[in-house]
Amino acid sequence: AMSGPPQQPLPLPSLPGLVPVPLKVVGSEADQNPRRRQCNCRRSNCLKLYCECFATGIYCCDGCNCLSCYNNFPNEKTRRDAIETTLERNTNAFRPKINT
């Protein structure tokens, strides 16, 4: 039997060009939606698919530069109607785009 201190694991070689990924902070806004969009809608009330937030299925946020926005909680009924209308025209509207 070998005696002495337990063998230390070898340190992993650091690979150039790799940035360490910070651990996710639970409960942060970025954690709720990793790809937080910011739209600049002017005339669509953020209820058309050119609004990145609406198309992604998330509410607009303070970071958006939109005008007369309806893609938010107070306008949920109008927003639901817009979602239903959009889905009637395009059943794949709010599905994530998967590259195949």
N, C-alpha and C. Protein backbone atom coordinates (compact mmCIF):
# COMPACT_ATOMS: atom_id res chain seq x y z
N ALA A 1 0.85 -1.19 0.00
CA ALA A 1 0.00 0.00 0.00
C ALA A 1 0.88 1.24 0.00
N MET A 2 0.46 2.23 -0.83
CA MET A 2 1.24 3.46 -0.90
C MET A 2 0.80 4.40 0.20
N SER A 3 1.78 5.02 0.86
CA SER A 3 1.44 5.98 1.90
C SER A 3 1.78 7.38 1.41
N GLY A 4 1.41 8.40 2.19
CA GLY A 4 1.69 9.77 1.80
C GLY A 4 0.40 10.52 1.53
N PRO A 5 0.52 11.77 1.15
CA PRO A 5 -0.68 12.59 0.92
C PRO A 5 -1.47 12.07 -0.28
N PRO A 6 -2.82 12.23 -0.25
CA PRO A 6 -3.62 11.78 -1.40
C PRO A 6 -3.23 12.54 -2.66
N GLN A 7 -3.31 11.88 -3.77
CA GLN A 7 -2.92 12.49 -5.05
C GLN A 7 -3.87 13.64 -5.39
N GLN A 8 -3.29 14.81 -5.65
CA GLN A 8 -4.11 15.97 -6.06
C GLN A 8 -4.49 15.80 -7.53
N PRO A 9 -5.74 16.15 -7.90
CA PRO A 9 -6.08 16.09 -9.33
C PRO A 9 -5.26 17.13 -10.10
N LEU A 10 -4.86 16.79 -11.29
CA LEU A 10 -4.08 17.73 -12.10
C LEU A 10 -4.97 18.89 -12.51
N PRO A 11 -4.46 20.13 -12.50
CA PRO A 11 -5.28 21.26 -12.95
C PRO A 11 -5.56 21.12 -14.44
N LEU A 12 -6.76 21.50 -14.86
CA LEU A 12 -7.09 21.42 -16.28
C LEU A 12 -6.30 22.49 -17.01
N PRO A 13 -5.79 22.16 -18.19
CA PRO A 13 -5.05 23.17 -18.94
C PRO A 13 -6.00 24.30 -19.35
N SER A 14 -5.53 25.54 -19.21
CA SER A 14 -6.40 26.64 -19.62
C SER A 14 -6.29 26.78 -21.13
N LEU A 15 -7.45 26.81 -21.79
CA LEU A 15 -7.45 26.88 -23.24
C LEU A 15 -7.57 28.33 -23.67
N PRO A 16 -6.66 28.82 -24.50
CA PRO A 16 -6.76 30.22 -24.93
C PRO A 16 -8.03 30.44 -25.75
N GLY A 17 -8.64 31.61 -25.58
CA GLY A 17 -9.82 31.94 -26.36
C GLY A 17 -11.12 31.55 -25.69
N LEU A 18 -11.06 30.76 -24.60
CA LEU A 18 -12.30 30.41 -23.92
C LEU A 18 -12.54 31.36 -22.76
N VAL A 19 -13.71 31.95 -22.75
CA VAL A 19 -14.07 32.85 -21.66
C VAL A 19 -14.81 32.05 -20.61
N PRO A 20 -14.42 32.16 -19.34
CA PRO A 20 -15.15 31.42 -18.32
C PRO A 20 -16.60 31.89 -18.25
N VAL A 21 -17.52 30.94 -18.17
CA VAL A 21 -18.94 31.28 -18.14
C VAL A 21 -19.34 31.54 -16.69
N PRO A 22 -19.83 32.73 -16.38
CA PRO A 22 -20.23 32.99 -14.99
C PRO A 22 -21.44 32.15 -14.61
N LEU A 23 -21.51 31.75 -13.36
CA LEU A 23 -22.66 30.99 -12.90
C LEU A 23 -23.90 31.88 -12.97
N LYS A 24 -25.02 31.29 -13.34
CA LYS A 24 -26.25 32.07 -13.43
C LYS A 24 -26.67 32.54 -12.05
N VAL A 25 -27.14 33.77 -12.01
CA VAL A 25 -27.67 34.31 -10.76
C VAL A 25 -29.16 34.02 -10.75
N VAL A 26 -29.60 33.26 -9.77
CA VAL A 26 -31.00 32.86 -9.73
C VAL A 26 -31.87 34.07 -9.46
N GLY A 27 -32.93 34.21 -10.24
CA GLY A 27 -33.89 35.28 -10.00
C GLY A 27 -33.57 36.58 -10.71
N SER A 28 -32.44 36.65 -11.42
CA SER A 28 -32.16 37.89 -12.12
C SER A 28 -33.01 37.97 -13.38
N GLU A 29 -33.22 39.17 -13.90
CA GLU A 29 -34.07 39.33 -15.07
C GLU A 29 -33.46 38.61 -16.27
N ALA A 30 -32.13 38.67 -16.38
CA ALA A 30 -31.47 38.00 -17.50
C ALA A 30 -31.72 36.49 -17.46
N ASP A 31 -31.88 35.96 -16.25
CA ASP A 31 -32.12 34.53 -16.10
C ASP A 31 -33.53 34.16 -16.57
N GLN A 32 -34.48 35.09 -16.43
CA GLN A 32 -35.85 34.82 -16.87
C GLN A 32 -35.88 34.63 -18.38
N ASN A 33 -35.13 35.46 -19.09
CA ASN A 33 -35.07 35.33 -20.53
C ASN A 33 -33.65 35.59 -20.99
N PRO A 34 -32.93 34.52 -21.32
CA PRO A 34 -31.51 34.68 -21.65
C PRO A 34 -31.26 35.62 -22.83
N ARG A 35 -32.20 35.68 -23.78
CA ARG A 35 -32.01 36.58 -24.92
C ARG A 35 -33.03 37.70 -24.82
N ARG A 36 -32.83 38.59 -23.90
CA ARG A 36 -33.75 39.71 -23.68
C ARG A 36 -33.72 40.64 -24.89
N ARG A 37 -34.85 40.80 -25.55
CA ARG A 37 -34.93 41.64 -26.74
C ARG A 37 -35.22 43.08 -26.34
N GLN A 38 -34.90 43.99 -27.22
CA GLN A 38 -35.29 45.39 -27.04
C GLN A 38 -35.81 45.87 -28.39
N CYS A 39 -37.09 46.24 -28.43
CA CYS A 39 -37.66 46.63 -29.71
C CYS A 39 -37.72 48.15 -29.83
N ASN A 40 -37.94 48.60 -31.06
CA ASN A 40 -38.04 50.03 -31.35
C ASN A 40 -39.33 50.31 -32.12
N CYS A 41 -40.40 49.58 -31.80
CA CYS A 41 -41.64 49.69 -32.57
C CYS A 41 -42.24 51.08 -32.44
N ARG A 42 -42.76 51.59 -33.57
CA ARG A 42 -43.37 52.92 -33.58
C ARG A 42 -44.87 52.86 -33.85
N ARG A 43 -45.29 52.01 -34.82
CA ARG A 43 -46.69 52.04 -35.23
C ARG A 43 -47.47 50.76 -34.98
N SER A 44 -46.79 49.68 -34.62
CA SER A 44 -47.49 48.39 -34.56
C SER A 44 -48.05 48.09 -33.18
N ASN A 45 -47.88 48.98 -32.19
CA ASN A 45 -48.28 48.73 -30.80
C ASN A 45 -47.61 47.48 -30.23
N CYS A 46 -46.54 47.02 -30.88
CA CYS A 46 -45.81 45.82 -30.45
C CYS A 46 -46.69 44.58 -30.47
N LEU A 47 -47.68 44.58 -31.36
CA LEU A 47 -48.56 43.41 -31.47
C LEU A 47 -48.46 42.78 -32.85
N LYS A 48 -47.34 43.00 -33.54
CA LYS A 48 -47.08 42.36 -34.82
C LYS A 48 -45.78 41.58 -34.69
N LEU A 49 -45.59 40.64 -35.60
CA LEU A 49 -44.40 39.79 -35.50
C LEU A 49 -43.11 40.53 -35.80
N TYR A 50 -43.18 41.78 -36.31
CA TYR A 50 -41.88 42.46 -36.45
C TYR A 50 -41.39 42.93 -35.10
N CYS A 51 -42.24 42.94 -34.10
CA CYS A 51 -41.77 43.24 -32.74
C CYS A 51 -41.07 42.00 -32.19
N GLU A 52 -39.76 42.12 -31.93
CA GLU A 52 -39.01 40.94 -31.49
C GLU A 52 -39.54 40.41 -30.16
N CYS A 53 -39.96 41.30 -29.29
CA CYS A 53 -40.47 40.86 -27.97
C CYS A 53 -41.74 40.04 -28.16
N PHE A 54 -42.69 40.61 -28.89
CA PHE A 54 -43.97 39.94 -29.14
C PHE A 54 -43.74 38.60 -29.84
N ALA A 55 -42.86 38.60 -30.85
CA ALA A 55 -42.61 37.38 -31.62
C ALA A 55 -41.97 36.30 -30.75
N THR A 56 -41.23 36.73 -29.72
CA THR A 56 -40.58 35.77 -28.82
C THR A 56 -41.55 35.33 -27.72
N GLY A 57 -42.68 36.03 -27.60
CA GLY A 57 -43.67 35.66 -26.59
C GLY A 57 -43.40 36.28 -25.23
N ILE A 58 -42.63 37.36 -25.18
CA ILE A 58 -42.38 38.03 -23.90
C ILE A 58 -42.93 39.44 -23.94
N TYR A 59 -43.21 39.99 -22.77
CA TYR A 59 -43.65 41.38 -22.67
C TYR A 59 -42.50 42.31 -23.01
N CYS A 60 -42.83 43.49 -23.50
CA CYS A 60 -41.81 44.53 -23.65
C CYS A 60 -41.36 44.97 -22.26
N CYS A 61 -40.15 45.54 -22.20
CA CYS A 61 -39.61 45.93 -20.90
C CYS A 61 -39.13 47.39 -20.95
N ASP A 62 -38.61 47.86 -19.84
CA ASP A 62 -38.15 49.24 -19.76
C ASP A 62 -37.04 49.55 -20.75
N GLY A 63 -36.30 48.52 -21.16
CA GLY A 63 -35.21 48.75 -22.11
C GLY A 63 -35.68 48.99 -23.53
N CYS A 64 -36.96 48.72 -23.81
CA CYS A 64 -37.47 48.91 -25.16
C CYS A 64 -37.68 50.39 -25.46
N ASN A 65 -37.64 50.72 -26.75
CA ASN A 65 -37.83 52.11 -27.17
C ASN A 65 -39.14 52.26 -27.95
N CYS A 66 -40.13 51.43 -27.61
CA CYS A 66 -41.36 51.42 -28.39
C CYS A 66 -42.30 52.54 -27.97
N LEU A 67 -43.23 52.88 -28.87
CA LEU A 67 -44.25 53.89 -28.61
C LEU A 67 -45.62 53.23 -28.57
N SER A 68 -46.49 53.73 -27.72
CA SER A 68 -47.86 53.21 -27.53
C SER A 68 -47.90 51.69 -27.58
N CYS A 69 -47.14 51.09 -26.64
CA CYS A 69 -46.96 49.64 -26.59
C CYS A 69 -48.16 48.96 -25.93
N TYR A 70 -48.63 47.87 -26.54
CA TYR A 70 -49.70 47.06 -25.94
C TYR A 70 -49.19 45.69 -25.53
N ASN A 71 -47.89 45.45 -25.73
CA ASN A 71 -47.33 44.14 -25.39
C ASN A 71 -46.88 44.16 -23.93
N ASN A 72 -47.87 44.29 -23.03
CA ASN A 72 -47.56 44.37 -21.60
C ASN A 72 -48.77 43.89 -20.81
N PHE A 73 -48.57 43.73 -19.52
CA PHE A 73 -49.63 43.14 -18.69
C PHE A 73 -50.93 43.94 -18.66
N PRO A 74 -50.88 45.29 -18.54
CA PRO A 74 -52.16 46.02 -18.51
C PRO A 74 -53.01 45.82 -19.77
N ASN A 75 -52.39 45.51 -20.89
CA ASN A 75 -53.12 45.32 -22.14
C ASN A 75 -53.22 43.85 -22.53
N GLU A 76 -53.22 42.98 -21.52
CA GLU A 76 -53.18 41.53 -21.78
C GLU A 76 -54.32 41.07 -22.69
N LYS A 77 -55.53 41.60 -22.51
CA LYS A 77 -56.65 41.14 -23.35
C LYS A 77 -56.42 41.48 -24.82
N THR A 78 -56.02 42.72 -25.09
CA THR A 78 -55.73 43.13 -26.47
C THR A 78 -54.60 42.29 -27.04
N ARG A 79 -53.59 42.03 -26.19
CA ARG A 79 -52.44 41.24 -26.60
C ARG A 79 -52.86 39.82 -26.96
N ARG A 80 -53.73 39.20 -26.10
CA ARG A 80 -54.21 37.84 -26.38
C ARG A 80 -54.95 37.80 -27.72
N ASP A 81 -55.79 38.80 -27.96
CA ASP A 81 -56.53 38.83 -29.23
C ASP A 81 -55.56 38.88 -30.40
N ALA A 82 -54.50 39.69 -30.26
CA ALA A 82 -53.51 39.80 -31.33
C ALA A 82 -52.78 38.47 -31.53
N ILE A 83 -52.48 37.79 -30.43
CA ILE A 83 -51.80 36.49 -30.53
C ILE A 83 -52.70 35.49 -31.27
N GLU A 84 -53.99 35.47 -30.90
CA GLU A 84 -54.92 34.54 -31.56
C GLU A 84 -55.04 34.85 -33.05
N THR A 85 -55.17 36.13 -33.38
CA THR A 85 -55.28 36.53 -34.79
C THR A 85 -54.04 36.11 -35.56
N THR A 86 -52.87 36.34 -34.94
CA THR A 86 -51.60 35.98 -35.58
C THR A 86 -51.52 34.47 -35.80
N LEU A 87 -51.93 33.70 -34.80
CA LEU A 87 -51.87 32.24 -34.91
C LEU A 87 -52.85 31.70 -35.94
N GLU A 88 -54.00 32.38 -36.12
CA GLU A 88 -54.95 31.95 -37.16
C GLU A 88 -54.30 32.05 -38.53
N ARG A 89 -53.48 33.11 -38.71
CA ARG A 89 -52.82 33.30 -40.00
C ARG A 89 -51.59 32.40 -40.15
N ASN A 90 -50.88 32.18 -39.04
CA ASN A 90 -49.62 31.43 -39.11
C ASN A 90 -49.48 30.58 -37.86
N THR A 91 -49.73 29.28 -38.02
CA THR A 91 -49.73 28.40 -36.84
C THR A 91 -48.35 28.26 -36.21
N ASN A 92 -47.29 28.56 -36.96
CA ASN A 92 -45.94 28.42 -36.41
C ASN A 92 -45.38 29.73 -35.86
N ALA A 93 -46.24 30.73 -35.74
CA ALA A 93 -45.75 32.09 -35.44
C ALA A 93 -44.84 32.17 -34.21
N PHE A 94 -45.28 31.61 -33.08
CA PHE A 94 -44.53 31.86 -31.85
C PHE A 94 -43.60 30.71 -31.47
N ARG A 95 -43.46 29.74 -32.37
CA ARG A 95 -42.56 28.61 -32.08
C ARG A 95 -41.13 29.06 -32.25
N PRO A 96 -40.22 28.53 -31.43
CA PRO A 96 -38.82 28.90 -31.62
C PRO A 96 -38.34 28.44 -32.98
N LYS A 97 -37.55 29.27 -33.63
CA LYS A 97 -37.02 28.92 -34.95
C LYS A 97 -35.86 27.96 -34.76
N ILE A 98 -35.99 26.76 -35.29
CA ILE A 98 -34.95 25.74 -35.14
C ILE A 98 -34.27 25.54 -36.49
N ASN A 99 -32.96 25.67 -36.51
CA ASN A 99 -32.24 25.47 -37.77
C ASN A 99 -32.07 23.98 -37.99
N THR A 100 -32.62 23.49 -39.12
CA THR A 100 -32.50 22.06 -39.41
C THR A 100 -31.62 21.85 -40.63
